[in-house]
Amino acid sequence: MIPADHAIKSFEKIYKESPNFFINNWLVIFKLIWELHSWFDRFANTKDYNTPGTLWYHREQTHHWQGIHEAVRIFICEYGLEFMIIIEKEAQQHVFDDFGEILSKENITRRYLRQKRGW
């Protein structure tokens, strides 16, 4: 899923779960969600990584529990604790949507990705 698709799905979900919070903070939420999903996908489809190995490298770098924790740490520092739950939920959802599960970084290997996911 591309960052824009992730973001649209996130906006809808956040609005349904907390419409007042979303309306009162929509400018911040818009920026936060776009940046969060772009952070996870920052290696995907870039000139230097536009090869078959990009998918593996891209997922090895951020699509695991440690990547989620790193994203939460980074984005809480930028946006504050009031957005912590949104950041954590959306980071987990991004990895799950792309990968179908959330593993540890140690378990995300190219061999695993080839065997389990067919990449």
C-alpha atoms as a PDB file:
ATOM      1  CA  MET A   1       0.000   0.000   0.000  1.00  0.00           C
ATOM      2  CA  ILE A   2       1.360   3.433  -0.849  1.00  0.00           C
ATOM      3  CA  PRO A   3       1.536   6.140   1.858  1.00  0.00           C
ATOM      4  CA  ALA A   4      -1.486   7.999   0.455  1.00  0.00           C
ATOM      5  CA  ASP A   5      -3.647   4.859   0.683  1.00  0.00           C
ATOM      6  CA  HIS A   6      -2.439   4.221   4.236  1.00  0.00           C
ATOM      7  CA  ALA A   7      -3.161   7.850   5.155  1.00  0.00           C
ATOM      8  CA  ILE A   8      -6.722   7.858   3.791  1.00  0.00           C
ATOM      9  CA  LYS A   9      -7.501   4.659   5.668  1.00  0.00           C
ATOM     10  CA  SER A  10      -6.003   6.196   8.829  1.00  0.00           C
ATOM     11  CA  PHE A  11      -7.996   9.431   8.551  1.00  0.00           C
ATOM     12  CA  GLU A  12     -11.239   7.476   8.243  1.00  0.00           C
ATOM     13  CA  LYS A  13     -10.383   5.246  11.194  1.00  0.00           C
ATOM     14  CA  ILE A  14      -9.329   8.106  13.487  1.00  0.00           C
ATOM     15  CA  TYR A  15     -12.435  10.109  12.595  1.00  0.00           C
ATOM     16  CA  LYS A  16     -14.724   7.143  13.339  1.00  0.00           C
ATOM     17  CA  GLU A  17     -13.007   6.411  16.665  1.00  0.00           C
ATOM     18  CA  SER A  18     -12.646  10.006  17.900  1.00  0.00           C
ATOM     19  CA  PRO A  19     -14.580  12.497  15.760  1.00  0.00           C
ATOM     20  CA  ASN A  20     -14.220  15.428  18.173  1.00  0.00           C
ATOM     21  CA  PHE A  21     -10.488  14.896  18.640  1.00  0.00           C
ATOM     22  CA  PHE A  22     -10.084  14.554  14.875  1.00  0.00           C
ATOM     23  CA  ILE A  23     -12.032  17.747  14.132  1.00  0.00           C
ATOM     24  CA  ASN A  24     -10.204  19.740  16.830  1.00  0.00           C
ATOM     25  CA  ASN A  25      -6.786  18.542  15.658  1.00  0.00           C
ATOM     26  CA  TRP A  26      -7.293  17.754  11.986  1.00  0.00           C
ATOM     27  CA  LEU A  27      -4.391  19.882  10.703  1.00  0.00           C
ATOM     28  CA  VAL A  28      -1.946  18.222  13.078  1.00  0.00           C
ATOM     29  CA  ILE A  29      -3.406  14.758  12.449  1.00  0.00           C
ATOM     30  CA  PHE A  30      -3.178  15.261   8.691  1.00  0.00           C
ATOM     31  CA  LYS A  31       0.498  16.194   8.919  1.00  0.00           C
ATOM     32  CA  LEU A  32       1.277  13.494  11.493  1.00  0.00           C
ATOM     33  CA  ILE A  33      -0.355  10.656   9.580  1.00  0.00           C
ATOM     34  CA  TRP A  34       1.196  11.629   6.263  1.00  0.00           C
ATOM     35  CA  GLU A  35       4.659  11.883   7.842  1.00  0.00           C
ATOM     36  CA  LEU A  36       4.256   8.619   9.769  1.00  0.00           C
ATOM     37  CA  HIS A  37       3.326   6.564   6.721  1.00  0.00           C
ATOM     38  CA  SER A  38       5.990   8.275   4.640  1.00  0.00           C
ATOM     39  CA  TRP A  39       8.538   7.463   7.345  1.00  0.00           C
ATOM     40  CA  PHE A  40       7.687   3.763   7.159  1.00  0.00           C
ATOM     41  CA  ASP A  41       7.881   3.769   3.362  1.00  0.00           C
ATOM     42  CA  ARG A  42      10.830   6.126   2.956  1.00  0.00           C
ATOM     43  CA  PHE A  43      12.971   3.518   1.162  1.00  0.00           C
ATOM     44  CA  ALA A  44      10.231   2.244  -1.154  1.00  0.00           C
ATOM     45  CA  ASN A  45      10.305   3.251  -4.811  1.00  0.00           C
ATOM     46  CA  THR A  46      13.250   5.590  -4.486  1.00  0.00           C
ATOM     47  CA  LYS A  47      15.859   5.874  -7.191  1.00  0.00           C
ATOM     48  CA  ASP A  48      18.555   4.116  -5.184  1.00  0.00           C
ATOM     49  CA  TYR A  49      16.183   1.378  -4.048  1.00  0.00           C
ATOM     50  CA  ASN A  50      14.106   0.855  -7.183  1.00  0.00           C
ATOM     51  CA  THR A  51      15.131  -2.790  -7.600  1.00  0.00           C
ATOM     52  CA  PRO A  52      13.580  -6.144  -6.684  1.00  0.00           C
ATOM     53  CA  GLY A  53      15.650  -6.040  -3.486  1.00  0.00           C
ATOM     54  CA  THR A  54      14.010  -2.784  -2.475  1.00  0.00           C
ATOM     55  CA  LEU A  55      10.957  -4.558  -1.124  1.00  0.00           C
ATOM     56  CA  TRP A  56      13.127  -6.714   1.111  1.00  0.00           C
ATOM     57  CA  TYR A  57      15.341  -3.857   2.238  1.00  0.00           C
ATOM     58  CA  HIS A  58      12.358  -1.596   2.789  1.00  0.00           C
ATOM     59  CA  ARG A  59      10.602  -4.146   4.982  1.00  0.00           C
ATOM     60  CA  GLU A  60      13.777  -5.185   6.795  1.00  0.00           C
ATOM     61  CA  GLN A  61      14.394  -1.593   7.872  1.00  0.00           C
ATOM     62  CA  THR A  62      11.079  -0.561   9.403  1.00  0.00           C
ATOM     63  CA  HIS A  63       8.342  -3.179   9.161  1.00  0.00           C
ATOM     64  CA  HIS A  64       8.777  -4.914  12.538  1.00  0.00           C
ATOM     65  CA  TRP A  65       8.236  -4.265  16.262  1.00  0.00           C
ATOM     66  CA  GLN A  66      11.494  -2.378  16.636  1.00  0.00           C
ATOM     67  CA  GLY A  67      10.555  -0.114  13.702  1.00  0.00           C
ATOM     68  CA  ILE A  68       7.190   0.553  15.299  1.00  0.00           C
ATOM     69  CA  HIS A  69       8.835   1.482  18.614  1.00  0.00           C
ATOM     70  CA  GLU A  70      11.298   3.741  16.822  1.00  0.00           C
ATOM     71  CA  ALA A  71       8.469   5.494  14.967  1.00  0.00           C
ATOM     72  CA  VAL A  72       6.528   5.992  18.210  1.00  0.00           C
ATOM     73  CA  ARG A  73       9.597   7.479  19.915  1.00  0.00           C
ATOM     74  CA  ILE A  74      10.356   9.820  17.005  1.00  0.00           C
ATOM     75  CA  PHE A  75       6.797  11.022  16.449  1.00  0.00           C
ATOM     76  CA  ILE A  76       5.953  11.484  20.129  1.00  0.00           C
ATOM     77  CA  CYS A  77       8.983  13.780  20.395  1.00  0.00           C
ATOM     78  CA  GLU A  78       7.667  15.769  17.443  1.00  0.00           C
ATOM     79  CA  TYR A  79       3.908  15.757  18.135  1.00  0.00           C
ATOM     80  CA  GLY A  80       3.560  15.168  21.875  1.00  0.00           C
ATOM     81  CA  LEU A  81       2.069  12.590  24.187  1.00  0.00           C
ATOM     82  CA  GLU A  82      -1.522  13.520  23.359  1.00  0.00           C
ATOM     83  CA  PHE A  83      -1.007  11.812  19.985  1.00  0.00           C
ATOM     84  CA  MET A  84       0.756   8.719  21.385  1.00  0.00           C
ATOM     85  CA  ILE A  85      -2.174   6.327  21.004  1.00  0.00           C
ATOM     86  CA  ILE A  86      -2.801   7.431  17.415  1.00  0.00           C
ATOM     87  CA  ILE A  87       0.883   7.127  16.564  1.00  0.00           C
ATOM     88  CA  GLU A  88       1.185   3.653  18.072  1.00  0.00           C
ATOM     89  CA  LYS A  89      -2.025   2.304  16.527  1.00  0.00           C
ATOM     90  CA  GLU A  90      -1.269   3.711  13.089  1.00  0.00           C
ATOM     91  CA  ALA A  91       2.332   2.465  13.128  1.00  0.00           C
ATOM     92  CA  GLN A  92       1.137  -1.037  13.994  1.00  0.00           C
ATOM     93  CA  GLN A  93      -1.616  -0.874  11.394  1.00  0.00           C
ATOM     94  CA  HIS A  94       0.828   0.251   8.693  1.00  0.00           C
ATOM     95  CA  VAL A  95       3.102  -2.744   9.284  1.00  0.00           C
ATOM     96  CA  PHE A  96       0.161  -5.134   9.518  1.00  0.00           C
ATOM     97  CA  ASP A  97      -1.425  -3.797   6.316  1.00  0.00           C
ATOM     98  CA  ASP A  98       1.836  -4.165   4.390  1.00  0.00           C
ATOM     99  CA  PHE A  99       3.015  -7.414   5.917  1.00  0.00           C
ATOM    100  CA  GLY A 100       0.003  -9.262   7.318  1.00  0.00           C
ATOM    101  CA  GLU A 101       1.752  -9.712  10.662  1.00  0.00           C
ATOM    102  CA  ILE A 102       4.183  -7.958  12.963  1.00  0.00           C
ATOM    103  CA  LEU A 103       7.452  -9.736  13.713  1.00  0.00           C
ATOM    104  CA  SER A 104      10.660  -8.808  15.472  1.00  0.00           C
ATOM    105  CA  LYS A 105      13.509  -7.374  13.413  1.00  0.00           C
ATOM    106  CA  GLU A 106      15.474 -10.589  13.914  1.00  0.00           C
ATOM    107  CA  ASN A 107      12.724 -12.582  12.194  1.00  0.00           C
ATOM    108  CA  ILE A 108      12.482 -10.295   9.169  1.00  0.00           C
ATOM    109  CA  THR A 109      15.141 -11.793   6.944  1.00  0.00           C
ATOM    110  CA  ARG A 110      15.336 -12.107   3.195  1.00  0.00           C
ATOM    111  CA  ARG A 111      15.128 -15.880   3.528  1.00  0.00           C
ATOM    112  CA  TYR A 112      11.951 -15.553   5.596  1.00  0.00           C
ATOM    113  CA  LEU A 113      10.465 -13.047   3.186  1.00  0.00           C
ATOM    114  CA  ARG A 114      11.171 -15.340   0.224  1.00  0.00           C
ATOM    115  CA  GLN A 115       9.825 -18.466   1.916  1.00  0.00           C
ATOM    116  CA  LYS A 116       6.831 -17.086   3.789  1.00  0.00           C
ATOM    117  CA  ARG A 117       5.769 -14.172   1.630  1.00  0.00           C
ATOM    118  CA  GLY A 118       7.011 -15.277  -1.796  1.00  0.00           C
ATOM    119  CA  TRP A 119       9.123 -12.146  -2.295  1.00  0.00           C
END
